[in-house]
Protein backbone atom coordinates (compact mmCIF):
# COMPACT_ATOMS: atom_id res chain seq x y z
CA UNK A 1 11.54 0.82 -35.45
CA UNK A 2 12.27 4.49 -35.51
CA UNK A 3 12.32 6.48 -32.32
CA UNK A 4 9.47 8.85 -31.65
CA UNK A 5 10.24 12.52 -32.04
CA UNK A 6 10.05 14.90 -29.10
CA UNK A 7 6.68 16.20 -30.32
CA UNK A 8 5.32 12.64 -30.23
CA UNK A 9 6.26 12.05 -26.60
CA UNK A 10 5.19 13.86 -23.49
CA UNK A 11 6.46 13.75 -19.91
CA UNK A 12 3.72 14.32 -17.32
CA UNK A 13 4.74 15.11 -13.76
CA UNK A 14 7.69 16.52 -11.85
CA UNK A 15 10.88 15.02 -10.51
CA UNK A 16 11.74 15.21 -6.80
CA UNK A 17 14.39 17.63 -5.53
CA UNK A 18 17.14 15.29 -4.35
CA UNK A 19 20.39 16.27 -2.62
CA UNK A 20 23.91 15.84 -4.00
CA UNK A 21 24.63 12.96 -6.36
CA UNK A 22 21.12 11.54 -5.94
CA UNK A 23 19.85 14.11 -8.43
CA UNK A 24 21.93 12.30 -11.08
CA UNK A 25 20.72 8.82 -10.12
CA UNK A 26 19.41 7.70 -13.51
CA UNK A 27 17.83 4.45 -12.30
CA UNK A 28 15.62 6.26 -9.82
CA UNK A 29 14.70 9.25 -11.96
CA UNK A 30 14.26 7.58 -15.36
CA UNK A 31 10.65 8.05 -16.53
CA UNK A 32 8.46 5.03 -17.16
CA UNK A 33 5.62 4.55 -19.67
CA UNK A 34 2.40 5.96 -18.24
CA UNK A 35 0.61 2.69 -18.97
CA UNK A 36 2.63 0.93 -16.25
CA UNK A 37 1.44 3.28 -13.50
CA UNK A 38 -2.10 3.38 -14.92
CA UNK A 39 -2.24 -0.41 -14.78
CA UNK A 40 -1.12 -0.25 -11.14
CA UNK A 41 -3.91 2.23 -10.41
CA UNK A 42 -6.56 0.01 -11.98
CA UNK A 43 -5.27 -3.13 -10.25
CA UNK A 44 -5.11 -1.48 -6.84
CA UNK A 45 -8.63 -0.05 -7.27
CA UNK A 46 -10.05 -3.46 -8.25
CA UNK A 47 -8.45 -5.20 -5.26
CA UNK A 48 -9.58 -2.38 -2.95
CA UNK A 49 -13.18 -2.85 -4.09
CA UNK A 50 -12.87 -6.61 -3.53
CA UNK A 51 -11.38 -5.89 -0.11
CA UNK A 52 -14.30 -3.64 0.78
CA UNK A 53 -17.00 -5.89 -0.67
CA UNK A 54 -15.73 -9.27 0.49
CA UNK A 55 -13.53 -8.70 3.55
CA UNK A 56 -15.23 -5.71 5.19
CA UNK A 57 -18.89 -5.51 4.17
CA UNK A 58 -20.22 -8.93 5.32
CA UNK A 59 -19.18 -8.37 8.98
CA UNK A 60 -18.97 -4.60 8.87
CA UNK A 61 -21.01 -3.84 12.02
CA UNK A 62 -19.17 -6.52 14.00
CA UNK A 63 -15.75 -5.27 12.96
CA UNK A 64 -16.12 -1.51 13.33
CA UNK A 65 -19.07 -0.54 15.55
CA UNK A 66 -18.89 0.04 19.29
CA UNK A 67 -21.32 -2.76 20.12
CA UNK A 68 -19.22 -5.25 18.11
CA UNK A 69 -15.55 -6.10 18.20
CA UNK A 70 -14.36 -2.71 16.94
CA UNK A 71 -15.12 0.86 17.84
CA UNK A 72 -12.84 3.76 18.76
CA UNK A 73 -11.86 2.18 22.09
CA UNK A 74 -11.14 -1.36 20.92
CA UNK A 75 -7.35 -0.79 20.97
CA UNK A 76 -6.82 2.26 23.19
CA UNK A 77 -3.12 1.49 23.69
CA UNK A 78 -2.44 2.37 20.06
CA UNK A 79 -3.62 5.92 20.62
CA UNK A 80 -1.99 6.63 23.97
CA UNK A 81 0.37 9.55 24.45
CA UNK A 82 3.66 9.20 22.63
CA UNK A 83 2.20 7.08 19.83
CA UNK A 84 1.31 8.47 16.43
CA UNK A 85 -1.46 6.16 15.31
CA UNK A 86 -4.62 7.93 14.23
CA UNK A 87 -8.06 7.18 12.87
CA UNK A 88 -10.81 9.39 11.51
CA UNK A 89 -13.25 7.07 13.27
CA UNK A 90 -12.09 8.49 16.60
CA UNK A 91 -13.33 11.89 15.43
CA UNK A 92 -16.54 10.94 13.61
CA UNK A 93 -19.64 10.01 15.65
CA UNK A 94 -19.70 6.25 16.32
CA UNK A 95 -23.34 5.96 15.28
CA UNK A 96 -22.87 6.88 11.63
CA UNK A 97 -19.14 7.53 11.25
CA UNK A 98 -18.10 4.02 10.11
CA UNK A 99 -20.82 3.88 7.44
CA UNK A 100 -19.98 7.36 6.17
CA UNK A 101 -16.26 6.64 6.00
CA UNK A 102 -16.79 3.30 4.27
CA UNK A 103 -19.01 5.07 1.72
CA UNK A 104 -16.22 7.58 1.08
CA UNK A 105 -13.71 4.76 0.70
CA UNK A 106 -15.95 2.94 -1.79
CA UNK A 107 -16.58 6.10 -3.82
CA UNK A 108 -12.88 6.97 -3.86
CA UNK A 109 -11.97 3.45 -5.03
CA UNK A 110 -14.47 3.71 -7.90
CA UNK A 111 -13.06 7.13 -8.83
CA UNK A 112 -9.57 5.63 -8.75
CA UNK A 113 -10.67 2.82 -11.04
CA UNK A 114 -11.91 5.21 -13.73
CA UNK A 115 -9.03 7.64 -13.26
CA UNK A 116 -11.02 10.56 -11.88
CA UNK A 117 -8.78 12.84 -9.78
CA UNK A 118 -6.42 9.94 -8.99
CA UNK A 119 -4.32 11.93 -6.52
CA UNK A 120 -7.32 12.97 -4.43
CA UNK A 121 -8.98 9.57 -4.81
CA UNK A 122 -5.86 7.65 -3.77
CA UNK A 123 -5.20 9.90 -0.77
CA UNK A 124 -8.84 9.47 0.30
CA UNK A 125 -8.51 5.68 -0.05
CA UNK A 126 -5.32 5.79 2.00
CA UNK A 127 -6.88 7.88 4.78
CA UNK A 128 -9.93 5.62 4.99
CA UNK A 129 -7.85 2.43 4.89
CA UNK A 130 -5.53 3.64 7.65
CA UNK A 131 -8.51 4.72 9.76
CA UNK A 132 -10.19 1.31 9.58
CA UNK A 133 -6.89 -0.51 10.04
CA UNK A 134 -5.99 1.38 13.21
CA UNK A 135 -9.44 1.14 14.74
CA UNK A 136 -9.41 -2.68 14.66
CA UNK A 137 -5.82 -3.80 14.41
CA UNK A 138 -6.82 -7.39 15.13
CA UNK A 139 -7.91 -7.76 11.51
CA UNK A 140 -4.43 -6.98 10.20
CA UNK A 141 -2.88 -9.79 8.15
CA UNK A 142 0.06 -8.05 6.49
CA UNK A 143 -1.82 -6.97 3.40
CA UNK A 144 -2.86 -3.79 5.15
CA UNK A 145 0.63 -2.29 5.16
CA UNK A 146 1.13 -3.18 1.49
CA UNK A 147 -2.26 -1.70 0.64
CA UNK A 148 -1.44 1.59 2.35
CA UNK A 149 1.89 1.88 0.50
CA UNK A 150 0.21 1.10 -2.82
CA UNK A 151 -2.35 3.88 -2.30
CA UNK A 152 0.43 6.40 -1.68
CA UNK A 153 2.36 5.24 -4.75
CA UNK A 154 -0.76 5.54 -6.88
CA UNK A 155 -1.38 9.03 -5.48
CA UNK A 156 2.03 10.45 -6.39
CA UNK A 157 2.70 8.40 -9.53
CA UNK A 158 0.64 10.42 -12.03
CA UNK A 159 -1.40 7.28 -12.62
CA UNK A 160 -4.17 9.17 -14.42
CA UNK A 161 -1.99 10.28 -17.34
CA UNK A 162 -3.53 7.54 -19.50
CA UNK A 163 -6.47 5.15 -19.23
CA UNK A 164 -8.57 7.58 -17.24
CA UNK A 165 -11.33 10.14 -17.60
CA UNK A 166 -8.76 12.93 -17.28
CA UNK A 167 -5.92 11.33 -19.25
CA UNK A 168 -3.61 13.25 -21.56
CA UNK A 169 -4.80 11.31 -24.58
CA UNK A 170 -8.40 12.37 -24.02
CA UNK A 171 -7.23 15.92 -24.63
CA UNK A 172 -6.15 15.11 -28.16
CA UNK A 173 -2.57 13.93 -27.62
CA UNK A 174 -1.98 10.62 -29.41
CA UNK A 175 1.74 10.08 -28.72
CA UNK A 176 3.64 8.17 -26.07
CA UNK A 177 3.24 9.44 -22.50
CA UNK A 178 5.85 9.03 -19.76
CA UNK A 179 5.56 9.69 -16.03
CA UNK A 180 8.10 9.86 -13.15
CA UNK A 181 9.53 6.44 -12.39
CA UNK A 182 10.56 6.97 -8.78
CA UNK A 183 7.22 5.85 -7.22
CA UNK A 184 7.55 2.48 -8.97
CA UNK A 185 11.20 2.22 -7.91
CA UNK A 186 10.30 2.95 -4.27
CA UNK A 187 7.69 0.17 -4.42
CA UNK A 188 10.30 -2.14 -5.88
CA UNK A 189 12.69 -1.43 -3.01
CA UNK A 190 9.89 -2.04 -0.50
CA UNK A 191 9.00 -5.42 -2.00
CA UNK A 192 12.66 -6.43 -2.18
CA UNK A 193 12.98 -5.67 1.53
CA UNK A 194 9.73 -7.50 2.25
CA UNK A 195 10.89 -10.68 0.54
CA UNK A 196 14.50 -10.65 1.72
CA UNK A 197 13.79 -9.91 5.38
CA UNK A 198 10.97 -12.45 5.35
CA UNK A 199 13.48 -15.05 4.14
CA UNK A 200 16.03 -14.02 6.77
CA UNK A 201 13.38 -14.36 9.50
CA UNK A 202 12.53 -17.84 8.23
CA UNK A 203 16.16 -18.89 8.07
CA UNK A 204 16.55 -18.50 11.84
CA UNK A 205 13.47 -20.63 12.54
CA UNK A 206 14.08 -24.37 13.10
CA UNK A 207 10.64 -25.11 11.62
CA UNK A 208 11.57 -23.45 8.35
CA UNK A 209 15.06 -24.92 8.36
CA UNK A 210 13.70 -28.46 8.48
CA UNK A 211 10.86 -27.54 6.14
CA UNK A 212 8.19 -29.06 8.37
CA UNK A 213 6.55 -25.69 9.03
CA UNK A 214 4.58 -25.90 5.75
CA UNK A 215 3.60 -29.49 6.55
CA UNK A 216 1.90 -28.36 9.74
CA UNK A 217 0.49 -25.16 8.21
CA UNK A 218 -1.08 -27.09 5.33
CA UNK A 219 -2.78 -29.43 7.80
CA UNK A 220 -3.89 -26.67 10.17
CA UNK A 221 -7.64 -25.96 10.10
CA UNK A 222 -7.05 -22.31 10.96
CA UNK A 223 -4.41 -21.58 8.33
CA UNK A 224 -5.13 -23.99 5.50
CA UNK A 225 -8.01 -23.59 3.02
CA UNK A 226 -7.45 -27.09 1.68
CA UNK A 227 -6.73 -29.31 4.71
CA UNK A 228 -8.51 -32.26 3.08
CA UNK A 229 -6.10 -32.18 0.12
CA UNK A 230 -2.89 -31.81 2.11
CA UNK A 231 -2.66 -35.50 3.14
CA UNK A 232 -2.40 -36.49 -0.51
CA UNK A 233 1.03 -34.82 -0.72
CA UNK A 234 4.02 -36.64 0.82
CA UNK A 235 5.78 -34.83 3.69
CA UNK A 236 8.80 -34.14 1.50
CA UNK A 237 6.63 -32.10 -0.91
CA UNK A 238 5.56 -29.83 1.96
CA UNK A 239 9.16 -29.48 3.10
CA UNK A 240 10.33 -28.73 -0.43
CA UNK A 241 7.75 -25.91 -0.73
CA UNK A 242 9.25 -24.35 2.42
CA UNK A 243 12.76 -24.39 1.02
CA UNK A 244 11.69 -23.12 -2.40
CA UNK A 245 9.84 -20.19 -0.78
CA UNK A 246 12.92 -19.23 1.26
CA UNK A 247 15.25 -19.56 -1.71
CA UNK A 248 13.05 -17.49 -4.01
CA UNK A 249 12.54 -14.72 -1.45
CA UNK A 250 16.23 -14.54 -0.63
CA UNK A 251 17.26 -14.51 -4.31
CA UNK A 252 14.51 -12.14 -5.48
CA UNK A 253 16.68 -8.99 -5.88
CA UNK A 254 19.45 -10.93 -7.65
CA UNK A 255 17.09 -12.76 -10.01
CA UNK A 256 15.29 -9.52 -10.81
CA UNK A 257 18.50 -7.64 -11.54
CA UNK A 258 19.51 -9.85 -14.48
CA UNK A 259 17.43 -9.90 -17.65
CA UNK A 260 17.88 -13.63 -18.23
CA UNK A 261 16.37 -14.54 -14.87
CA UNK A 262 13.89 -11.68 -14.50
CA UNK A 263 10.94 -13.38 -16.18
CA UNK A 264 11.45 -16.56 -14.15
CA UNK A 265 11.63 -14.51 -10.96
CA UNK A 266 8.40 -12.67 -11.73
CA UNK A 267 6.53 -15.81 -12.82
CA UNK A 268 7.55 -17.52 -9.59
CA UNK A 269 6.34 -14.50 -7.62
CA UNK A 270 2.95 -14.47 -9.32
CA UNK A 271 2.59 -18.23 -8.86
CA UNK A 272 3.65 -17.95 -5.21
CA UNK A 273 0.97 -15.38 -4.39
CA UNK A 274 -1.76 -17.15 -6.38
CA UNK A 275 -1.04 -20.47 -4.67
CA UNK A 276 -0.98 -18.91 -1.20
CA UNK A 277 -4.23 -17.06 -1.93
CA UNK A 278 -5.96 -20.31 -2.97
CA UNK A 279 -4.55 -22.56 -0.25
CA UNK A 280 -3.81 -20.44 2.84
CA UNK A 281 -5.78 -18.04 5.00
CA UNK A 282 -3.78 -14.94 4.04
CA UNK A 283 -6.73 -12.71 3.11
CA UNK A 284 -6.06 -9.86 0.73
CA UNK A 285 -2.31 -9.92 1.36
CA UNK A 286 -1.81 -12.06 -1.75
CA UNK A 287 -4.08 -9.91 -3.93
CA UNK A 288 -2.42 -6.63 -2.99
CA UNK A 289 0.97 -8.24 -3.54
CA UNK A 290 -0.08 -9.35 -7.02
CA UNK A 291 -0.93 -5.77 -8.02
CA UNK A 292 2.76 -4.91 -7.69
CA UNK A 293 3.61 -7.27 -10.55
CA UNK A 294 1.53 -5.37 -13.12
CA UNK A 295 4.35 -2.79 -13.16
CA UNK A 296 6.53 -5.29 -15.06
CA UNK A 297 4.03 -5.96 -17.85
CA UNK A 298 4.87 -3.95 -21.04
CA UNK A 299 1.39 -2.49 -21.45
CA UNK A 300 2.80 0.29 -23.63
CA UNK A 301 3.47 -2.22 -26.43
CA UNK A 302 -0.26 -2.67 -26.92
CA UNK A 303 -1.31 0.91 -26.25
CA UNK A 304 -0.52 4.02 -28.28
CA UNK A 305 2.24 4.34 -30.88
CA UNK A 306 4.16 1.20 -31.85
CA UNK A 307 7.53 2.94 -32.04
CA UNK A 308 9.78 3.15 -29.02
CA UNK A 309 12.07 5.80 -27.68
CA UNK A 310 14.34 6.43 -24.73
CA UNK A 311 13.23 9.33 -22.60
CA UNK A 312 15.57 10.94 -20.11
CA UNK A 313 14.48 12.46 -16.83
CA UNK A 314 13.84 16.21 -17.15
CA UNK A 315 16.39 18.41 -15.43
CA UNK A 316 13.74 20.61 -13.82
CA UNK A 317 12.98 19.42 -10.32
CA UNK A 318 10.24 20.39 -7.91
């Protein structure tokens, strides 16, 4: 295939102003096809709407109103002097504030899905998510921190360049569109740290070392979604799943770094999160984690021009 000419490609966005040799760090600053970040935007918006509709809405009054388990004074220690937690629900009236903020969150997630003002929509989703998370921290299951990081990455990643109501291609441009790659790279570093440090934590636990931790988790009525099926697996199968999880998490950055093992690494990651979502009480942690993997799908091969080109990061920084 022939490379696209400069007139057939367009870079949308700005590069960060980095100090010293970091400004020449090609891996961090290399642009990525806009379809990758647009797919992340759509995936995050879909999971956010599922989060709102399934996890929050059914018990909304119980979780976030003063006469339930939530309210602005449910966890006062988080907001004491010297701490920097915040929530818009501590400013809005408790009678109608939670409903109003949840309505804003829902509207912003829909706008994010269709690509309308993705920066504003993602920041609004982030502010609402952080507000609800801090007001009732007891609901946190790990997916909340990932969700908040994803919203910020979507906000700064020029995710509306394609596949949105304000995309570049809707203005008549039919060529290949590229956007800054650093938001995706920052997410990658975060997930590498998440997996590796999770594995290190497990390695120091006797339960994980022997592998029996998954045996007990899979039989636990609080953690397991399929306790009736767990007895059909021999104990060694439960132990083996523990060791495989540790090994994959610990090897994730190495497997991802080499092209020959990259696909296997990503397939194992997707399978890991799907299995945990279907069998364990991990809430939306698994779904938000799965959205990260859409960044590795070559959506640009099925969207826009068929030719490929190598685009370098612009020298102008802002």
